[in-house]
Amino acid sequence: MIAGDVMVEVANLHDPADVIILDPPRDGIHPKAIFKILDFKPKTFVYVSCKATSLARDLPFFVAAGYEVKKVQCVDLFPHAGHVETVVLMSRVKK
Protein backbone atom coordinates (compact mmCIF):
# COMPACT_ATOMS: atom_id res chain seq x y z
CA MET A 1 0.00 0.00 0.00
CA ILE A 2 1.16 3.51 -0.79
CA ALA A 3 -0.37 6.55 0.85
CA GLY A 4 0.56 10.14 0.17
CA ASP A 5 0.18 13.10 -2.14
CA VAL A 6 -0.73 11.69 -5.55
CA MET A 7 1.42 14.24 -7.40
CA VAL A 8 4.46 13.01 -5.47
CA GLU A 9 3.73 9.29 -5.19
CA VAL A 10 2.58 8.64 -8.76
CA ALA A 11 5.99 9.72 -10.09
CA ASN A 12 7.66 7.07 -7.90
CA LEU A 13 5.57 4.15 -9.16
CA HIS A 14 7.02 1.86 -11.78
CA ASP A 15 5.39 -1.53 -11.16
CA PRO A 16 2.02 -2.44 -12.65
CA ALA A 17 -1.00 -2.61 -10.37
CA ASP A 18 -4.09 -4.79 -10.63
CA VAL A 19 -6.19 -2.53 -8.40
CA ILE A 20 -5.84 1.15 -7.56
CA ILE A 21 -7.90 2.61 -4.72
CA LEU A 22 -8.38 6.36 -4.88
CA ASP A 23 -9.60 8.46 -1.97
CA PRO A 24 -9.03 12.04 -3.09
CA PRO A 25 -9.82 15.17 -1.07
CA ARG A 26 -13.21 16.85 -1.43
CA ASP A 27 -12.11 18.63 -4.61
CA GLY A 28 -11.52 15.29 -6.35
CA ILE A 29 -8.46 14.17 -8.29
CA HIS A 30 -6.10 16.95 -9.28
CA PRO A 31 -6.47 17.60 -13.05
CA LYS A 32 -2.71 17.18 -13.57
CA ALA A 33 -2.73 13.80 -11.80
CA ILE A 34 -5.75 12.11 -13.34
CA PHE A 35 -4.04 11.23 -16.61
CA LYS A 36 -0.95 9.92 -14.81
CA ILE A 37 -3.21 7.70 -12.72
CA LEU A 38 -5.10 6.45 -15.77
CA ASP A 39 -1.80 5.63 -17.51
CA PHE A 40 -1.27 2.77 -15.05
CA LYS A 41 -4.22 0.95 -16.67
CA PRO A 42 -5.04 -1.37 -13.78
CA LYS A 43 -7.83 -3.89 -14.22
CA THR A 44 -9.82 -2.21 -11.46
CA PHE A 45 -10.22 1.21 -9.86
CA VAL A 46 -12.05 1.82 -6.60
CA TYR A 47 -12.90 5.50 -6.16
CA VAL A 48 -13.98 6.66 -2.70
CA SER A 49 -15.58 10.10 -2.82
CA CYS A 50 -16.84 12.40 -0.11
CA LYS A 51 -18.28 14.93 -2.58
CA ALA A 52 -20.67 13.86 -5.31
CA THR A 53 -19.94 16.80 -7.61
CA SER A 54 -16.21 16.00 -7.68
CA LEU A 55 -16.98 12.36 -8.39
CA ALA A 56 -19.32 13.38 -11.23
CA ARG A 57 -16.58 15.57 -12.70
CA ASP A 58 -13.91 12.83 -12.51
CA LEU A 59 -15.87 9.75 -13.67
CA PRO A 60 -16.08 10.75 -17.37
CA PHE A 61 -12.25 10.64 -17.54
CA PHE A 62 -12.33 6.99 -16.43
CA VAL A 63 -15.08 6.12 -18.90
CA ALA A 64 -13.18 7.82 -21.74
CA ALA A 65 -10.09 5.80 -20.76
CA GLY A 66 -11.99 2.52 -21.18
CA TYR A 67 -13.42 1.85 -17.71
CA GLU A 68 -16.98 0.86 -16.92
CA VAL A 69 -18.77 1.61 -13.68
CA LYS A 70 -19.71 -1.76 -12.20
CA LYS A 71 -21.15 -0.76 -8.85
CA VAL A 72 -21.88 2.37 -6.82
CA GLN A 73 -22.50 2.22 -3.08
CA CYS A 74 -23.23 5.07 -0.70
CA VAL A 75 -21.90 4.58 2.81
CA ASP A 76 -23.21 6.61 5.75
CA LEU A 77 -20.14 7.02 7.96
CA PHE A 78 -21.55 10.02 9.77
CA PRO A 79 -25.05 9.24 11.05
CA HIS A 80 -27.36 12.21 11.53
CA ALA A 81 -25.24 14.31 9.16
CA GLY A 82 -26.04 15.22 5.59
CA HIS A 83 -22.90 13.58 4.18
CA VAL A 84 -22.24 10.16 2.71
CA GLU A 85 -19.18 8.56 1.17
CA THR A 86 -19.68 7.15 -2.32
CA VAL A 87 -17.66 4.13 -3.36
CA VAL A 88 -17.43 3.34 -7.08
CA LEU A 89 -16.06 0.10 -8.51
CA MET A 90 -14.77 0.43 -12.09
CA SER A 91 -13.32 -2.27 -14.33
CA ARG A 92 -11.44 -1.94 -17.58
CA VAL A 93 -13.63 -2.86 -20.55
CA LYS A 94 -12.19 -5.68 -22.60
CA LYS A 95 -11.93 -4.82 -26.28
PDB file of N, CA and C in Angstrom:
ATOM      1  N   MET A   1       0.846  -1.170   0.000  1.00  0.00           N
ATOM      2  CA  MET A   1       0.000   0.000   0.000  1.00  0.00           C
ATOM      3  C   MET A   1       0.891   1.232   0.000  1.00  0.00           C
ATOM      4  N   ILE A   2       0.455   2.230  -0.741  1.00  0.00           N
ATOM      5  CA  ILE A   2       1.159   3.511  -0.793  1.00  0.00           C
ATOM      6  C   ILE A   2       0.142   4.585  -0.449  1.00  0.00           C
ATOM      7  N   ALA A   3       0.507   5.441   0.472  1.00  0.00           N
ATOM      8  CA  ALA A   3      -0.374   6.552   0.849  1.00  0.00           C
ATOM      9  C   ALA A   3       0.448   7.831   0.791  1.00  0.00           C
ATOM     10  N   GLY A   4      -0.143   8.859   0.239  1.00  0.00           N
ATOM     11  CA  GLY A   4       0.556  10.138   0.169  1.00  0.00           C
ATOM     12  C   GLY A   4      -0.047  11.021  -0.892  1.00  0.00           C
ATOM     13  N   ASP A   5       0.604  12.134  -1.125  1.00  0.00           N
ATOM     14  CA  ASP A   5       0.176  13.095  -2.138  1.00  0.00           C
ATOM     15  C   ASP A   5       0.332  12.451  -3.510  1.00  0.00           C
ATOM     16  N   VAL A   6      -0.739  12.387  -4.264  1.00  0.00           N
ATOM     17  CA  VAL A   6      -0.727  11.690  -5.549  1.00  0.00           C
ATOM     18  C   VAL A   6       0.288  12.297  -6.507  1.00  0.00           C
ATOM     19  N   MET A   7       0.481  13.601  -6.489  1.00  0.00           N
ATOM     20  CA  MET A   7       1.424  14.236  -7.404  1.00  0.00           C
ATOM     21  C   MET A   7       2.862  13.817  -7.095  1.00  0.00           C
ATOM     22  N   VAL A   8       3.127  13.466  -5.855  1.00  0.00           N
ATOM     23  CA  VAL A   8       4.462  13.008  -5.466  1.00  0.00           C
ATOM     24  C   VAL A   8       4.591  11.505  -5.683  1.00  0.00           C
ATOM     25  N   GLU A   9       3.637  10.753  -5.187  1.00  0.00           N
ATOM     26  CA  GLU A   9       3.734   9.289  -5.194  1.00  0.00           C
ATOM     27  C   GLU A   9       3.612   8.673  -6.577  1.00  0.00           C
ATOM     28  N   VAL A  10       2.787   9.236  -7.444  1.00  0.00           N
ATOM     29  CA  VAL A  10       2.581   8.636  -8.764  1.00  0.00           C
ATOM     30  C   VAL A  10       3.867   8.670  -9.586  1.00  0.00           C
ATOM     31  N   ALA A  11       4.716   9.643  -9.364  1.00  0.00           N
ATOM     32  CA  ALA A  11       5.986   9.716 -10.090  1.00  0.00           C
ATOM     33  C   ALA A  11       6.967   8.635  -9.631  1.00  0.00           C
ATOM     34  N   ASN A  12       6.765   8.092  -8.447  1.00  0.00           N
ATOM     35  CA  ASN A  12       7.663   7.073  -7.904  1.00  0.00           C
ATOM     36  C   ASN A  12       7.232   5.648  -8.241  1.00  0.00           C
ATOM     37  N   LEU A  13       6.087   5.484  -8.862  1.00  0.00           N
ATOM     38  CA  LEU A  13       5.566   4.150  -9.159  1.00  0.00           C
ATOM     39  C   LEU A  13       6.064   3.661 -10.514  1.00  0.00           C
ATOM     40  N   HIS A  14       6.528   2.419 -10.522  1.00  0.00           N
ATOM     41  CA  HIS A  14       7.017   1.861 -11.775  1.00  0.00           C
ATOM     42  C   HIS A  14       6.456   0.462 -12.037  1.00  0.00           C
ATOM     43  N   ASP A  15       5.933  -0.187 -11.008  1.00  0.00           N
ATOM     44  CA  ASP A  15       5.392  -1.528 -11.157  1.00  0.00           C
ATOM     45  C   ASP A  15       3.917  -1.470 -11.511  1.00  0.00           C
ATOM     46  N   PRO A  16       3.448  -2.428 -12.312  1.00  0.00           N
ATOM     47  CA  PRO A  16       2.021  -2.443 -12.654  1.00  0.00           C
ATOM     48  C   PRO A  16       1.163  -2.785 -11.436  1.00  0.00           C
ATOM     49  N   ALA A  17      -0.063  -2.328 -11.461  1.00  0.00           N
ATOM     50  CA  ALA A  17      -1.000  -2.608 -10.368  1.00  0.00           C
ATOM     51  C   ALA A  17      -2.258  -3.236 -10.949  1.00  0.00           C
ATOM     52  N   ASP A  18      -2.822  -4.193 -10.217  1.00  0.00           N
ATOM     53  CA  ASP A  18      -4.089  -4.793 -10.630  1.00  0.00           C
ATOM     54  C   ASP A  18      -5.267  -3.947 -10.171  1.00  0.00           C
ATOM     55  N   VAL A  19      -5.132  -3.339  -8.989  1.00  0.00           N
ATOM     56  CA  VAL A  19      -6.193  -2.526  -8.400  1.00  0.00           C
ATOM     57  C   VAL A  19      -5.577  -1.238  -7.861  1.00  0.00           C
ATOM     58  N   ILE A  20      -6.228  -0.126  -8.148  1.00  0.00           N
ATOM     59  CA  ILE A  20      -5.836   1.151  -7.560  1.00  0.00           C
ATOM     60  C   ILE A  20      -7.048   1.699  -6.820  1.00  0.00           C
ATOM     61  N   ILE A  21      -6.846   2.018  -5.546  1.00  0.00           N
ATOM     62  CA  ILE A  21      -7.902   2.612  -4.720  1.00  0.00           C
ATOM     63  C   ILE A  21      -7.591   4.087  -4.564  1.00  0.00           C
ATOM     64  N   LEU A  22      -8.541   4.908  -4.946  1.00  0.00           N
ATOM     65  CA  LEU A  22      -8.385   6.360  -4.876  1.00  0.00           C
ATOM     66  C   LEU A  22      -9.322   6.923  -3.821  1.00  0.00           C
ATOM     67  N   ASP A  23      -8.800   7.768  -2.978  1.00  0.00           N
ATOM     68  CA  ASP A  23      -9.605   8.456  -1.966  1.00  0.00           C
ATOM     69  C   ASP A  23      -9.153   9.914  -1.933  1.00  0.00           C
ATOM     70  N   PRO A  24      -9.508  10.661  -2.982  1.00  0.00           N
ATOM     71  CA  PRO A  24      -9.026  12.040  -3.092  1.00  0.00           C
ATOM     72  C   PRO A  24      -9.711  12.971  -2.094  1.00  0.00           C
ATOM     73  N   PRO A  25      -9.161  14.177  -1.923  1.00  0.00           N
ATOM     74  CA  PRO A  25      -9.816  15.167  -1.072  1.00  0.00           C
ATOM     75  C   PRO A  25     -11.150  15.598  -1.690  1.00  0.00           C
ATOM     76  N   ARG A  26     -11.876  16.440  -0.991  1.00  0.00           N
ATOM     77  CA  ARG A  26     -13.210  16.854  -1.433  1.00  0.00           C
ATOM     78  C   ARG A  26     -13.228  17.412  -2.855  1.00  0.00           C
ATOM     79  N   ASP A  27     -12.161  18.043  -3.266  1.00  0.00           N
ATOM     80  CA  ASP A  27     -12.109  18.627  -4.608  1.00  0.00           C
ATOM     81  C   ASP A  27     -11.891  17.602  -5.711  1.00  0.00           C
ATOM     82  N   GLY A  28     -11.709  16.335  -5.353  1.00  0.00           N
ATOM     83  CA  GLY A  28     -11.516  15.295  -6.355  1.00  0.00           C
ATOM     84  C   GLY A  28     -10.057  15.159  -6.749  1.00  0.00           C
ATOM     85  N   ILE A  29      -9.823  14.420  -7.818  1.00  0.00           N
ATOM     86  CA  ILE A  29      -8.463  14.166  -8.290  1.00  0.00           C
ATOM     87  C   ILE A  29      -7.941  15.415  -8.976  1.00  0.00           C
ATOM     88  N   HIS A  30      -6.715  15.775  -8.667  1.00  0.00           N
ATOM     89  CA  HIS A  30      -6.098  16.955  -9.277  1.00  0.00           C
ATOM     90  C   HIS A  30      -6.047  16.751 -10.794  1.00  0.00           C
ATOM     91  N   PRO A  31      -6.438  17.752 -11.584  1.00  0.00           N
ATOM     92  CA  PRO A  31      -6.465  17.602 -13.046  1.00  0.00           C
ATOM     93  C   PRO A  31      -5.119  17.168 -13.645  1.00  0.00           C
ATOM     94  N   LYS A  32      -4.024  17.572 -13.046  1.00  0.00           N
ATOM     95  CA  LYS A  32      -2.713  17.182 -13.570  1.00  0.00           C
ATOM     96  C   LYS A  32      -2.390  15.724 -13.244  1.00  0.00           C
ATOM     97  N   ALA A  33      -3.034  15.170 -12.231  1.00  0.00           N
ATOM     98  CA  ALA A  33      -2.730  13.800 -11.797  1.00  0.00           C
ATOM     99  C   ALA A  33      -3.613  12.755 -12.447  1.00  0.00           C
ATOM    100  N   ILE A  34      -4.801  13.121 -12.880  1.00  0.00           N
ATOM    101  CA  ILE A  34      -5.755  12.108 -13.337  1.00  0.00           C
ATOM    102  C   ILE A  34      -5.224  11.298 -14.525  1.00  0.00           C
ATOM    103  N   PHE A  35      -4.540  11.956 -15.442  1.00  0.00           N
ATOM    104  CA  PHE A  35      -4.039  11.231 -16.608  1.00  0.00           C
ATOM    105  C   PHE A  35      -2.857  10.334 -16.243  1.00  0.00           C
ATOM    106  N   LYS A  36      -2.045  10.759 -15.288  1.00  0.00           N
ATOM    107  CA  LYS A  36      -0.950   9.917 -14.813  1.00  0.00           C
ATOM    108  C   LYS A  36      -1.505   8.669 -14.138  1.00  0.00           C
ATOM    109  N   ILE A  37      -2.568   8.832 -13.391  1.00  0.00           N
ATOM    110  CA  ILE A  37      -3.208   7.698 -12.716  1.00  0.00           C
ATOM    111  C   ILE A  37      -3.795   6.736 -13.747  1.00  0.00           C
ATOM    112  N   LEU A  38      -4.486   7.285 -14.736  1.00  0.00           N
ATOM    113  CA  LEU A  38      -5.096   6.451 -15.770  1.00  0.00           C
ATOM    114  C   LEU A  38      -4.055   5.705 -16.599  1.00  0.00           C
ATOM    115  N   ASP A  39      -2.859   6.273 -16.739  1.00  0.00           N
ATOM    116  CA  ASP A  39      -1.800   5.632 -17.511  1.00  0.00           C
ATOM    117  C   ASP A  39      -1.354   4.300 -16.918  1.00  0.00           C
ATOM    118  N   PHE A  40      -1.631   4.049 -15.653  1.00  0.00           N
ATOM    119  CA  PHE A  40      -1.267   2.771 -15.047  1.00  0.00           C
ATOM    120  C   PHE A  40      -2.122   1.626 -15.572  1.00  0.00           C
ATOM    121  N   LYS A  41      -3.315   1.928 -16.057  1.00  0.00           N
ATOM    122  CA  LYS A  41      -4.216   0.953 -16.668  1.00  0.00           C
ATOM    123  C   LYS A  41      -4.407  -0.312 -15.835  1.00  0.00           C
ATOM    124  N   PRO A  42      -4.762  -0.164 -14.561  1.00  0.00           N
ATOM    125  CA  PRO A  42      -5.036  -1.371 -13.782  1.00  0.00           C
ATOM    126  C   PRO A  42      -6.333  -2.012 -14.272  1.00  0.00           C
ATOM    127  N   LYS A  43      -6.570  -3.230 -13.869  1.00  0.00           N
ATOM    128  CA  LYS A  43      -7.833  -3.885 -14.217  1.00  0.00           C
ATOM    129  C   LYS A  43      -8.999  -3.216 -13.515  1.00  0.00           C
ATOM    130  N   THR A  44      -8.742  -2.723 -12.299  1.00  0.00           N
ATOM    131  CA  THR A  44      -9.818  -2.206 -11.457  1.00  0.00           C
ATOM    132  C   THR A  44      -9.408  -0.918 -10.750  1.00  0.00           C
ATOM    133  N   PHE A  45     -10.337   0.015 -10.701  1.00  0.00           N
ATOM    134  CA  PHE A  45     -10.220   1.206  -9.865  1.00  0.00           C
ATOM    135  C   PHE A  45     -11.351   1.169  -8.841  1.00  0.00           C
ATOM    136  N   VAL A  46     -11.042   1.568  -7.621  1.00  0.00           N
ATOM    137  CA  VAL A  46     -12.054   1.816  -6.601  1.00  0.00           C
ATOM    138  C   VAL A  46     -11.894   3.272  -6.217  1.00  0.00           C
ATOM    139  N   TYR A  47     -12.931   4.053  -6.429  1.00  0.00           N
ATOM    140  CA  TYR A  47     -12.897   5.497  -6.161  1.00  0.00           C
ATOM    141  C   TYR A  47     -13.804   5.761  -4.965  1.00  0.00           C
ATOM    142  N   VAL A  48     -13.232   6.299  -3.901  1.00  0.00           N
ATOM    143  CA  VAL A  48     -13.985   6.662  -2.701  1.00  0.00           C
ATOM    144  C   VAL A  48     -14.122   8.178  -2.707  1.00  0.00           C
ATOM    145  N   SER A  49     -15.342   8.661  -2.713  1.00  0.00           N
ATOM    146  CA  SER A  49     -15.581  10.098  -2.824  1.00  0.00           C
ATOM    147  C   SER A  49     -16.431  10.613  -1.669  1.00  0.00           C
ATOM    148  N   CYS A  50     -16.040  11.768  -1.159  1.00  0.00           N
ATOM    149  CA  CYS A  50     -16.842  12.403  -0.109  1.00  0.00           C
ATOM    150  C   CYS A  50     -17.626  13.601  -0.657  1.00  0.00           C
ATOM    151  N   LYS A  51     -17.541  13.818  -1.965  1.00  0.00           N
ATOM    152  CA  LYS A  51     -18.276  14.929  -2.576  1.00  0.00           C
ATOM    153  C   LYS A  51     -18.774  14.499  -3.953  1.00  0.00           C
ATOM    154  N   ALA A  52     -20.068  14.394  -4.086  1.00  0.00           N
ATOM    155  CA  ALA A  52     -20.669  13.856  -5.311  1.00  0.00           C
ATOM    156  C   ALA A  52     -20.333  14.679  -6.553  1.00  0.00           C
ATOM    157  N   THR A  53     -20.224  15.984  -6.430  1.00  0.00           N
ATOM    158  CA  THR A  53     -19.942  16.804  -7.611  1.00  0.00           C
ATOM    159  C   THR A  53     -18.519  16.559  -8.128  1.00  0.00           C
ATOM    160  N   SER A  54     -17.577  16.320  -7.239  1.00  0.00           N
ATOM    161  CA  SER A  54     -16.210  16.002  -7.676  1.00  0.00           C
ATOM    162  C   SER A  54     -16.176  14.641  -8.358  1.00  0.00           C
ATOM    163  N   LEU A  55     -16.889  13.698  -7.796  1.00  0.00           N
ATOM    164  CA  LEU A  55     -16.984  12.364  -8.394  1.00  0.00           C
ATOM    165  C   LEU A  55     -17.592  12.462  -9.796  1.00  0.00           C
ATOM    166  N   ALA A  56     -18.662  13.218  -9.927  1.00  0.00           N
ATOM    167  CA  ALA A  56     -19.325  13.381 -11.226  1.00  0.00           C
ATOM    168  C   ALA A  56     -18.397  14.044 -12.248  1.00  0.00           C
ATOM    169  N   ARG A  57     -17.541  14.920 -11.801  1.00  0.00           N
ATOM    170  CA  ARG A  57     -16.583  15.573 -12.700  1.00  0.00           C
ATOM    171  C   ARG A  57     -15.486  14.598 -13.134  1.00  0.00           C
ATOM    172  N   ASP A  58     -15.032  13.725 -12.218  1.00  0.00           N
ATOM    173  CA  ASP A  58     -13.909  12.831 -12.507  1.00  0.00           C
ATOM    174  C   ASP A  58     -14.304  11.576 -13.276  1.00  0.00           C
ATOM    175  N   LEU A  59     -15.485  11.032 -13.056  1.00  0.00           N
ATOM    176  CA  LEU A  59     -15.868   9.754 -13.672  1.00  0.00           C
ATOM    177  C   LEU A  59     -15.787   9.735 -15.200  1.00  0.00           C
ATOM    178  N   PRO A  60     -16.175  10.801 -15.906  1.00  0.00           N
ATOM    179  CA  PRO A  60     -16.075  10.745 -17.368  1.00  0.00           C
ATOM    180  C   PRO A  60     -14.653  10.500 -17.883  1.00  0.00           C
ATOM    181  N   PHE A  61     -13.633  10.906 -17.133  1.00  0.00           N
ATOM    182  CA  PHE A  61     -12.255  10.642 -17.539  1.00  0.00           C
ATOM    183  C   PHE A  61     -11.972   9.138 -17.525  1.00  0.00           C
ATOM    184  N   PHE A  62     -12.516   8.439 -16.526  1.00  0.00           N
ATOM    185  CA  PHE A  62     -12.329   6.994 -16.431  1.00  0.00           C
ATOM    186  C   PHE A  62     -13.078   6.281 -17.555  1.00  0.00           C
ATOM    187  N   VAL A  63     -14.280   6.723 -17.821  1.00  0.00           N
ATOM    188  CA  VAL A  63     -15.079   6.123 -18.899  1.00  0.00           C
ATOM    189  C   VAL A  63     -14.380   6.329 -20.247  1.00  0.00           C
ATOM    190  N   ALA A  64     -13.883   7.530 -20.485  1.00  0.00           N
ATOM    191  CA  ALA A  64     -13.183   7.821 -21.738  1.00  0.00           C
ATOM    192  C   ALA A  64     -11.905   6.991 -21.874  1.00  0.00           C
ATOM    193  N   ALA A  65     -11.312   6.599 -20.738  1.00  0.00           N
ATOM    194  CA  ALA A  65     -10.087   5.796 -20.756  1.00  0.00           C
ATOM    195  C   ALA A  65     -10.378   4.300 -20.848  1.00  0.00           C
ATOM    196  N   GLY A  66     -11.653   3.931 -20.966  1.00  0.00           N
ATOM    197  CA  GLY A  66     -11.994   2.523 -21.179  1.00  0.00           C
ATOM    198  C   GLY A  66     -12.458   1.771 -19.948  1.00  0.00           C
ATOM    199  N   TYR A  67     -12.917   2.496 -18.930  1.00  0.00           N
ATOM    200  CA  TYR A  67     -13.418   1.847 -17.714  1.00  0.00           C
ATOM    201  C   TYR A  67     -14.935   1.941 -17.667  1.00  0.00           C
ATOM    202  N   GLU A  68     -15.523   0.925 -17.062  1.00  0.00           N
ATOM    203  CA  GLU A  68     -16.975   0.857 -16.924  1.00  0.00           C
ATOM    204  C   GLU A  68     -17.318   0.831 -15.436  1.00  0.00           C
ATOM    205  N   VAL A  69     -18.304   1.616 -15.064  1.00  0.00           N
ATOM    206  CA  VAL A  69     -18.771   1.610 -13.677  1.00  0.00           C
ATOM    207  C   VAL A  69     -19.547   0.321 -13.452  1.00  0.00           C
ATOM    208  N   LYS A  70     -19.075  -0.476 -12.499  1.00  0.00           N
ATOM    209  CA  LYS A  70     -19.707  -1.763 -12.205  1.00  0.00           C
ATOM    210  C   LYS A  70     -20.673  -1.671 -11.029  1.00  0.00           C
ATOM    211  N   LYS A  71     -20.303  -0.865 -10.031  1.00  0.00           N
ATOM    212  CA  LYS A  71     -21.149  -0.757  -8.848  1.00  0.00           C
ATOM    213  C   LYS A  71     -20.889   0.570  -8.160  1.00  0.00           C
ATOM    214  N   VAL A  72     -21.960   1.145  -7.606  1.00  0.00           N
ATOM    215  CA  VAL A  72     -21.880   2.374  -6.816  1.00  0.00           C
ATOM    216  C   VAL A  72     -22.588   2.104  -5.495  1.00  0.00           C
ATOM    217  N   GLN A  73     -21.928   2.444  -4.408  1.00  0.00           N
ATOM    218  CA  GLN A  73     -22.504   2.217  -3.081  1.00  0.00           C
ATOM    219  C   GLN A  73     -22.284   3.455  -2.217  1.00  0.00           C
ATOM    220  N   CYS A  74     -23.354   3.982  -1.666  1.00  0.00           N
ATOM    221  CA  CYS A  74     -23.235   5.071  -0.699  1.00  0.00           C
ATOM    222  C   CYS A  74     -23.075   4.471   0.696  1.00  0.00           C
ATOM    223  N   VAL A  75     -22.183   5.069   1.471  1.00  0.00           N
ATOM    224  CA  VAL A  75     -21.899   4.582   2.810  1.00  0.00           C
ATOM    225  C   VAL A  75     -22.062   5.748   3.781  1.00  0.00           C
ATOM    226  N   ASP A  76     -22.937   5.569   4.765  1.00  0.00           N
ATOM    227  CA  ASP A  76     -23.207   6.613   5.754  1.00  0.00           C
ATOM    228  C   ASP A  76     -22.257   6.439   6.936  1.00  0.00           C
ATOM    229  N   LEU A  77     -21.131   7.113   6.886  1.00  0.00           N
ATOM    230  CA  LEU A  77     -20.138   7.025   7.957  1.00  0.00           C
ATOM    231  C   LEU A  77     -20.412   8.017   9.083  1.00  0.00           C
ATOM    232  N   PHE A  78     -21.271   8.966   8.803  1.00  0.00           N
ATOM    233  CA  PHE A  78     -21.548  10.025   9.772  1.00  0.00           C
ATOM    234  C   PHE A  78     -23.047  10.125  10.000  1.00  0.00           C
ATOM    235  N   PRO A  79     -23.606   9.223  10.817  1.00  0.00           N
ATOM    236  CA  PRO A  79     -25.051   9.235  11.053  1.00  0.00           C
ATOM    237  C   PRO A  79     -25.535  10.611  11.547  1.00  0.00           C
ATOM    238  N   HIS A  80     -26.707  10.953  11.150  1.00  0.00           N
ATOM    239  CA  HIS A  80     -27.357  12.214  11.534  1.00  0.00           C
ATOM    240  C   HIS A  80     -26.681  13.429  10.916  1.00  0.00           C
ATOM    241  N   ALA A  81     -25.846  13.207   9.909  1.00  0.00           N
ATOM    242  CA  ALA A  81     -25.239  14.312   9.155  1.00  0.00           C
ATOM    243  C   ALA A  81     -25.720  14.188   7.710  1.00  0.00           C
ATOM    244  N   GLY A  82     -25.571  15.227   6.975  1.00  0.00           N
ATOM    245  CA  GLY A  82     -26.036  15.220   5.589  1.00  0.00           C
ATOM    246  C   GLY A  82     -25.005  14.708   4.598  1.00  0.00           C
ATOM    247  N   HIS A  83     -23.986  14.012   5.065  1.00  0.00           N
ATOM    248  CA  HIS A  83     -22.903  13.583   4.181  1.00  0.00           C
ATOM    249  C   HIS A  83     -22.832  12.062   4.103  1.00  0.00           C
ATOM    250  N   VAL A  84     -22.504  11.577   2.912  1.00  0.00           N
ATOM    251  CA  VAL A  84     -22.236  10.157   2.714  1.00  0.00           C
ATOM    252  C   VAL A  84     -20.974  10.024   1.872  1.00  0.00           C
ATOM    253  N   GLU A  85     -20.294   8.914   2.045  1.00  0.00           N
ATOM    254  CA  GLU A  85     -19.181   8.558   1.170  1.00  0.00           C
ATOM    255  C   GLU A  85     -19.777   7.748   0.023  1.00  0.00           C
ATOM    256  N   THR A  86     -19.245   7.936  -1.169  1.00  0.00           N
ATOM    257  CA  THR A  86     -19.681   7.153  -2.317  1.00  0.00           C
ATOM    258  C   THR A  86     -18.497   6.326  -2.795  1.00  0.00           C
ATOM    259  N   VAL A  87     -18.708   5.034  -2.910  1.00  0.00           N
ATOM    260  CA  VAL A  87     -17.655   4.128  -3.362  1.00  0.00           C
ATOM    261  C   VAL A  87     -18.061   3.600  -4.736  1.00  0.00           C
ATOM    262  N   VAL A  88     -17.153   3.754  -5.703  1.00  0.00           N
ATOM    263  CA  VAL A  88     -17.431   3.337  -7.077  1.00  0.00           C
ATOM    264  C   VAL A  88     -16.414   2.292  -7.488  1.00  0.00           C
ATOM    265  N   LEU A  89     -16.901   1.166  -7.976  1.00  0.00           N
ATOM    266  CA  LEU A  89     -16.063   0.102  -8.514  1.00  0.00           C
ATOM    267  C   LEU A  89     -16.074   0.213 -10.037  1.00  0.00           C
ATOM    268  N   MET A  90     -14.890   0.327 -10.626  1.00  0.00           N
ATOM    269  CA  MET A  90     -14.775   0.427 -12.087  1.00  0.00           C
ATOM    270  C   MET A  90     -13.825  -0.643 -12.595  1.00  0.00           C
ATOM    271  N   SER A  91     -14.174  -1.256 -13.709  1.00  0.00           N
ATOM    272  CA  SER A  91     -13.325  -2.266 -14.326  1.00  0.00           C
ATOM    273  C   SER A  91     -13.027  -1.863 -15.769  1.00  0.00           C
ATOM    274  N   ARG A  92     -11.843  -2.242 -16.212  1.00  0.00           N
ATOM    275  CA  ARG A  92     -11.443  -1.945 -17.582  1.00  0.00           C
ATOM    276  C   ARG A  92     -12.291  -2.787 -18.517  1.00  0.00           C
ATOM    277  N   VAL A  93     -12.811  -2.181 -19.554  1.00  0.00           N
ATOM    278  CA  VAL A  93     -13.630  -2.859 -20.547  1.00  0.00           C
ATOM    279  C   VAL A  93     -12.712  -3.618 -21.485  1.00  0.00           C
ATOM    280  N   LYS A  94     -13.006  -4.871 -21.696  1.00  0.00           N
ATOM    281  CA  LYS A  94     -12.190  -5.676 -22.601  1.00  0.00           C
ATOM    282  C   LYS A  94     -12.617  -5.411 -24.036  1.00  0.00           C
ATOM    283  N   LYS A  95     -11.643  -5.085 -24.866  1.00  0.00           N
ATOM    284  CA  LYS A  95     -11.935  -4.816 -26.285  1.00  0.00           C
ATOM    285  C   LYS A  95     -11.136  -5.726 -27.155  1.00  0.00           C
TER     286      LYS A  95
END
